[in-house]
Amino acid sequence: MAHTVIPSQKTSPQFSDKDNIFHEEAIRPRKKRRKTQDAGATAAEAGQHAHERTARLQQINALLTEEIAERRRAEQALQQSQQVLRELGRHTGEIIEEERKRIARELHDQLGQNLMALRIDILMMQRAAGSDHPVVVETVQSALNNIDSMIKNVRSIINNLRPAVLDLGLIATFEWEIKEFERRSGITCSLTTDRSEFMIDDARALALLRILQESLTNVARHANADHVDICLHGDRRYLYLQVADNGVGDFPNCRRKANAFGLVGIQERVSALGGNLSITTEKGKGLTLMASLPLPPE
């Protein structure tokens, strides 16, 4: 009886858990090296980005520093320009006042005296004509009336240029100016003061007079008021002038309007003497202007 021999099949090798552990231990250093390389590349890339950002921030900082410096230079130039303009305005104001004084003196000495001489000559003609020539007498009287009107106008121009009463004191000047304003405008005024006279220099006296004139002009033109209260007082350090009307009022930024150069001029006069100017107003309740001028040391 024959027996069939069946060849045995070759089986695949089997690895134990111990063998798998050895395999993982073999490949683990490569993974660690790869992770280390990746981490190094990431750190290098982050460092490069940080360096680029730092350089960019330094560039922006340099630009901002230059811009700040440029703005400071521009601001300083603007302040210097404003200071120059203030000094120029003050110097121009002084020149204008000196010119006004010169013109007023010339009008008084030349035109005024010539008109008075002409009036005397015509009076002599009137006396020489007597009552025998009524037509001549009438013509001479008309000429005298015209000369008197011219003399009055010349005096008014002289007083507007350089008030003669300013030599009599500040209070007398204010009283004369207020009476003239009431006569021209029909607006009543009241003057209140705490002393009989103010012993101050010509610059401050003239500045206060110009402020009063400009304030009253603004009242007549824009306030639609029927009464103005004027208060002039002082202490050992300051002189104070307040002009308050009962008109329609206005807004604080009214000095910026095209027709408000008078208030700008007042501000410049006050600033030139180291003083302060404040304006308070409410619509329908009038406007109050307060100017304070420091007194020179005794």
Protein backbone atom coordinates (compact mmCIF):
# COMPACT_ATOMS: atom_id res chain seq x y z
CA MET A 1 0.00 0.00 0.00
CA ALA A 2 1.49 3.17 -1.15
CA HIS A 3 1.40 6.26 0.96
CA THR A 4 1.15 9.73 -0.54
CA VAL A 5 3.53 12.18 0.97
CA ILE A 6 2.13 15.73 1.19
CA PRO A 7 4.86 18.40 1.19
CA SER A 8 4.76 20.72 4.17
CA GLN A 9 3.79 24.43 3.52
CA LYS A 10 6.38 27.15 4.46
CA THR A 11 4.88 29.55 6.97
CA SER A 12 5.78 33.30 7.31
CA PRO A 13 7.97 34.29 10.22
CA GLN A 14 6.17 35.52 13.30
CA PHE A 15 7.55 38.43 15.42
CA SER A 16 6.88 38.73 19.02
CA ASP A 17 5.99 41.94 20.86
CA LYS A 18 9.58 42.17 21.90
CA ASP A 19 10.68 42.30 18.26
CA ASN A 20 8.13 45.16 17.56
CA ILE A 21 9.52 47.15 20.42
CA PHE A 22 13.01 46.85 19.02
CA HIS A 23 11.72 48.08 15.63
CA GLU A 24 10.06 51.16 17.14
CA GLU A 25 13.20 51.93 19.10
CA ALA A 26 15.12 51.77 15.85
CA ILE A 27 12.96 54.33 14.03
CA ARG A 28 12.37 56.66 17.00
CA PRO A 29 15.72 58.52 16.71
CA ARG A 30 14.91 59.37 13.10
CA LYS A 31 11.58 60.85 14.17
CA LYS A 32 13.27 62.83 16.89
CA ARG A 33 15.84 64.15 14.45
CA ARG A 34 13.07 65.11 12.01
CA LYS A 35 11.11 66.89 14.74
CA THR A 36 14.25 68.69 15.88
CA GLN A 37 14.96 69.76 12.34
CA ASP A 38 11.36 70.97 11.89
CA ALA A 39 11.51 72.85 15.19
CA GLY A 40 14.81 74.44 14.19
CA ALA A 41 13.39 75.49 10.84
CA THR A 42 10.31 76.97 12.55
CA ALA A 43 12.45 78.85 15.06
CA ALA A 44 14.68 80.18 12.27
CA GLU A 45 11.61 81.28 10.31
CA ALA A 46 10.10 82.94 13.40
CA GLY A 47 13.39 84.67 14.07
CA GLN A 48 13.50 85.92 10.50
CA HIS A 49 9.93 87.24 10.79
CA ALA A 50 10.74 88.92 14.11
CA HIS A 51 13.81 90.51 12.59
CA GLU A 52 11.78 91.79 9.62
CA ARG A 53 9.04 93.14 11.90
CA THR A 54 11.63 94.82 14.12
CA ALA A 55 13.24 96.44 11.11
CA ARG A 56 9.84 97.59 9.87
CA LEU A 57 8.88 98.98 13.26
CA GLN A 58 12.20 100.80 13.48
CA GLN A 59 11.58 102.30 10.06
CA ILE A 60 8.06 103.39 11.04
CA ASN A 61 9.40 104.80 14.32
CA ALA A 62 12.04 106.78 12.44
CA LEU A 63 9.36 108.17 10.10
CA LEU A 64 7.11 109.10 13.02
CA THR A 65 10.00 110.74 14.83
CA GLU A 66 10.83 112.79 11.75
CA GLU A 67 7.17 113.74 11.30
CA ILE A 68 6.89 114.81 14.95
CA ALA A 69 10.05 116.88 14.63
CA GLU A 70 8.73 118.46 11.44
CA ARG A 71 5.42 119.32 13.11
CA ARG A 72 7.24 120.83 16.05
CA ARG A 73 9.33 122.94 13.71
CA ALA A 74 6.16 124.01 11.87
CA GLU A 75 4.45 124.83 15.17
CA GLN A 76 7.43 126.87 16.34
CA ALA A 77 7.53 128.68 13.01
CA LEU A 78 3.80 129.39 13.30
CA GLN A 79 4.19 130.72 16.84
CA GLN A 80 7.09 132.92 15.77
CA SER A 81 5.05 134.17 12.83
CA GLN A 82 2.11 134.96 15.10
CA GLN A 83 4.41 136.78 17.50
CA VAL A 84 5.89 138.78 14.64
CA LEU A 85 2.40 139.63 13.41
CA ARG A 86 1.39 140.78 16.90
CA GLU A 87 4.47 142.95 17.19
CA LEU A 88 3.87 144.28 13.70
CA GLY A 89 0.25 145.04 14.57
CA ARG A 90 1.30 146.80 17.76
CA HIS A 91 3.95 148.79 15.90
CA THR A 92 1.46 149.64 13.16
CA GLY A 93 -1.02 150.81 15.78
CA GLU A 94 1.59 153.06 17.34
CA ILE A 95 2.45 154.50 13.93
CA ILE A 96 -1.23 155.10 13.19
CA GLU A 97 -1.74 156.91 16.50
CA GLU A 98 1.34 159.04 15.93
CA GLU A 99 0.13 159.87 12.43
CA ARG A 100 -3.29 160.76 13.78
CA LYS A 101 -1.68 163.04 16.31
CA ARG A 102 0.41 164.70 13.61
CA ILE A 103 -2.57 165.20 11.28
CA ALA A 104 -4.68 166.58 14.13
CA ARG A 105 -1.92 169.03 15.01
CA GLU A 106 -1.54 170.09 11.39
CA LEU A 107 -5.29 170.60 11.04
CA HIS A 108 -5.38 172.64 14.22
CA ASP A 109 -2.32 174.72 13.49
CA GLN A 110 -2.79 175.27 9.76
CA LEU A 111 -6.39 174.83 8.65
CA GLY A 112 -7.93 175.93 11.94
CA GLN A 113 -5.85 179.08 12.16
CA ASN A 114 -6.45 179.94 8.51
CA LEU A 115 -10.20 179.57 8.97
CA MET A 116 -10.11 181.81 12.04
CA ALA A 117 -8.08 184.41 10.13
CA LEU A 118 -10.55 184.23 7.25
CA ARG A 119 -13.46 184.68 9.67
CA ILE A 120 -11.83 187.78 11.15
CA ASP A 121 -11.28 189.27 7.69
CA ILE A 122 -14.90 188.72 6.74
CA LEU A 123 -16.06 190.27 10.00
CA MET A 124 -13.99 193.34 9.14
CA MET A 125 -15.68 193.46 5.71
CA GLN A 126 -19.08 193.25 7.39
CA ARG A 127 -18.26 196.14 9.66
CA ALA A 128 -16.85 198.17 6.78
CA ALA A 129 -19.98 197.62 4.69
CA GLY A 130 -22.22 198.78 7.50
CA SER A 131 -25.97 199.01 7.05
CA ASP A 132 -25.71 200.89 3.75
CA HIS A 133 -25.17 197.72 1.75
CA PRO A 134 -27.71 195.13 2.92
CA VAL A 135 -26.88 192.73 0.06
CA VAL A 136 -23.20 192.72 1.05
CA VAL A 137 -24.13 192.27 4.69
CA GLU A 138 -26.32 189.30 3.83
CA THR A 139 -23.58 187.69 1.70
CA VAL A 140 -20.98 188.26 4.38
CA GLN A 141 -23.28 186.70 7.01
CA SER A 142 -23.76 183.62 4.81
CA ALA A 143 -19.98 183.35 4.41
CA LEU A 144 -19.56 183.61 8.18
CA ASN A 145 -22.08 180.83 8.70
CA ASN A 146 -20.21 178.61 6.24
CA ILE A 147 -16.90 179.33 7.95
CA ASP A 148 -18.39 178.52 11.36
CA SER A 149 -19.68 175.23 9.96
CA MET A 150 -16.24 174.43 8.54
CA ILE A 151 -14.56 175.24 11.86
CA LYS A 152 -17.01 172.96 13.64
CA ASN A 153 -16.30 170.13 11.18
CA VAL A 154 -12.57 170.60 11.52
CA ARG A 155 -12.83 170.43 15.30
CA SER A 156 -14.88 167.26 15.01
CA ILE A 157 -12.25 165.70 12.72
CA ILE A 158 -9.49 166.73 15.12
CA ASN A 159 -11.34 165.23 18.07
CA ASN A 160 -11.85 161.97 16.18
CA LEU A 161 -8.17 161.84 15.32
CA ARG A 162 -6.89 162.89 18.72
CA PRO A 163 -9.45 164.00 21.32
CA ALA A 164 -8.30 167.23 22.85
CA VAL A 165 -10.18 166.45 26.04
CA LEU A 166 -7.83 163.47 26.54
CA ASP A 167 -5.40 165.99 27.96
CA LEU A 168 -8.02 166.87 30.57
CA GLY A 169 -8.23 163.32 31.94
CA LEU A 170 -9.73 159.93 31.15
CA ILE A 171 -13.06 160.52 32.87
CA ALA A 172 -13.64 163.79 31.00
CA THR A 173 -12.73 162.08 27.74
CA PHE A 174 -15.20 159.26 28.39
CA GLU A 175 -17.97 161.70 29.28
CA TRP A 176 -17.38 163.71 26.12
CA GLU A 177 -17.27 160.59 23.94
CA ILE A 178 -20.48 159.21 25.47
CA LYS A 179 -22.33 162.51 24.95
CA GLU A 180 -21.23 162.61 21.33
CA PHE A 181 -22.39 159.01 20.85
CA GLU A 182 -25.78 159.76 22.39
CA ARG A 183 -26.15 162.79 20.13
CA ARG A 184 -25.31 160.84 16.97
CA SER A 185 -27.14 157.58 17.68
CA GLY A 186 -29.99 158.44 20.04
CA ILE A 187 -28.95 155.54 22.31
CA THR A 188 -28.81 156.43 25.99
CA CYS A 189 -25.69 155.60 27.99
CA SER A 190 -24.71 155.53 31.64
CA LEU A 191 -21.15 155.81 32.96
CA THR A 192 -20.15 154.35 36.31
CA THR A 193 -16.70 154.76 37.83
CA ASP A 194 -15.14 154.18 41.23
CA ARG A 195 -12.82 157.19 41.30
CA SER A 196 -12.70 160.78 40.17
CA GLU A 197 -9.68 160.30 37.91
CA PHE A 198 -7.27 157.65 36.70
CA MET A 199 -3.60 158.55 36.63
CA ILE A 200 -2.36 156.39 33.76
CA ASP A 201 0.00 156.75 30.83
CA ASP A 202 -1.10 157.91 27.37
CA ALA A 203 -0.85 154.43 25.83
CA ARG A 204 -3.40 152.92 28.21
CA ALA A 205 -5.66 155.97 28.18
CA LEU A 206 -5.72 155.98 24.40
CA ALA A 207 -6.29 152.21 24.28
CA LEU A 208 -9.27 152.48 26.63
CA LEU A 209 -10.69 155.33 24.56
CA ARG A 210 -10.34 153.37 21.29
CA ILE A 211 -11.92 150.30 22.91
CA LEU A 212 -14.85 152.42 24.06
CA GLN A 213 -15.25 154.01 20.62
CA GLU A 214 -15.15 150.67 18.81
CA SER A 215 -17.55 149.07 21.29
CA LEU A 216 -20.07 151.90 20.91
CA THR A 217 -19.72 151.73 17.12
CA ASN A 218 -20.53 148.01 17.20
CA VAL A 219 -23.55 148.72 19.40
CA ALA A 220 -24.85 151.34 16.97
CA ARG A 221 -24.30 149.12 13.92
CA HIS A 222 -25.29 145.64 15.07
CA ALA A 223 -26.86 145.52 18.55
CA ASN A 224 -30.22 147.17 17.90
CA ALA A 225 -30.05 148.40 21.50
CA ASP A 226 -31.51 151.47 23.21
CA HIS A 227 -29.25 151.60 26.25
CA VAL A 228 -25.59 150.95 27.07
CA ASP A 229 -24.04 150.59 30.53
CA ILE A 230 -20.39 151.60 30.75
CA CYS A 231 -18.33 150.83 33.83
CA LEU A 232 -14.74 151.98 34.35
CA HIS A 233 -12.99 150.93 37.53
CA GLY A 234 -9.63 149.72 38.73
CA ASP A 235 -7.50 148.40 41.53
CA ARG A 236 -3.78 148.49 42.27
CA ARG A 237 -2.95 146.08 39.44
CA TYR A 238 -5.57 146.40 36.69
CA LEU A 239 -7.92 148.78 34.93
CA TYR A 240 -11.30 147.37 33.91
CA LEU A 241 -13.64 148.62 31.21
CA GLN A 242 -17.04 146.99 30.77
CA VAL A 243 -19.49 147.89 28.00
CA ALA A 244 -22.87 146.13 28.18
CA ASP A 245 -25.83 146.71 25.86
CA ASN A 246 -29.41 145.44 25.95
CA GLY A 247 -29.55 144.55 22.27
CA VAL A 248 -30.16 141.39 20.30
CA GLY A 249 -26.91 139.74 21.42
CA ASP A 250 -24.70 137.52 19.37
CA PHE A 251 -22.58 134.39 19.62
CA PRO A 252 -19.02 134.07 20.97
CA ASN A 253 -17.56 133.34 17.52
CA CYS A 254 -18.98 136.57 16.12
CA ARG A 255 -15.46 138.06 16.01
CA ARG A 256 -14.70 135.66 13.16
CA LYS A 257 -17.30 137.13 10.89
CA ALA A 258 -16.28 139.25 7.94
CA ASN A 259 -17.66 142.43 9.51
CA ALA A 260 -16.15 141.87 12.95
CA PHE A 261 -12.70 143.37 12.45
CA GLY A 262 -13.52 145.90 15.16
CA LEU A 263 -13.52 143.19 17.83
CA VAL A 264 -10.30 141.81 16.39
CA GLY A 265 -8.78 145.28 16.65
CA ILE A 266 -9.90 145.52 20.28
CA GLN A 267 -8.32 142.15 21.00
CA GLU A 268 -5.04 143.24 19.44
CA ARG A 269 -5.01 146.49 21.42
CA VAL A 270 -5.64 144.63 24.67
CA SER A 271 -3.07 141.93 23.90
CA ALA A 272 -0.43 144.50 22.98
CA LEU A 273 -0.66 145.90 26.52
CA GLY A 274 -0.68 142.46 28.16
CA GLY A 275 -4.37 142.56 29.05
CA ASN A 276 -7.35 140.26 28.63
CA LEU A 277 -10.61 140.54 26.71
CA SER A 278 -13.78 138.57 27.38
CA ILE A 279 -17.13 138.69 25.61
CA THR A 280 -20.29 137.22 27.09
CA THR A 281 -23.53 137.21 25.16
CA GLU A 282 -26.85 135.49 24.91
CA LYS A 283 -29.25 135.76 22.04
CA GLY A 284 -31.87 138.37 22.81
CA LYS A 285 -30.14 139.50 26.02
CA GLY A 286 -27.40 141.77 24.76
CA LEU A 287 -23.63 141.57 24.76
CA THR A 288 -21.10 142.44 27.46
CA LEU A 289 -17.49 143.26 26.67
CA MET A 290 -14.93 143.27 29.47
CA ALA A 291 -11.38 144.51 28.91
CA SER A 292 -8.72 144.45 31.61
CA LEU A 293 -5.37 146.23 31.26
CA PRO A 294 -2.49 145.76 33.69
CA LEU A 295 -1.08 148.87 35.29
CA PRO A 296 2.66 149.54 35.10
CA PRO A 297 4.63 149.14 38.32
CA GLU A 298 4.55 152.22 40.50
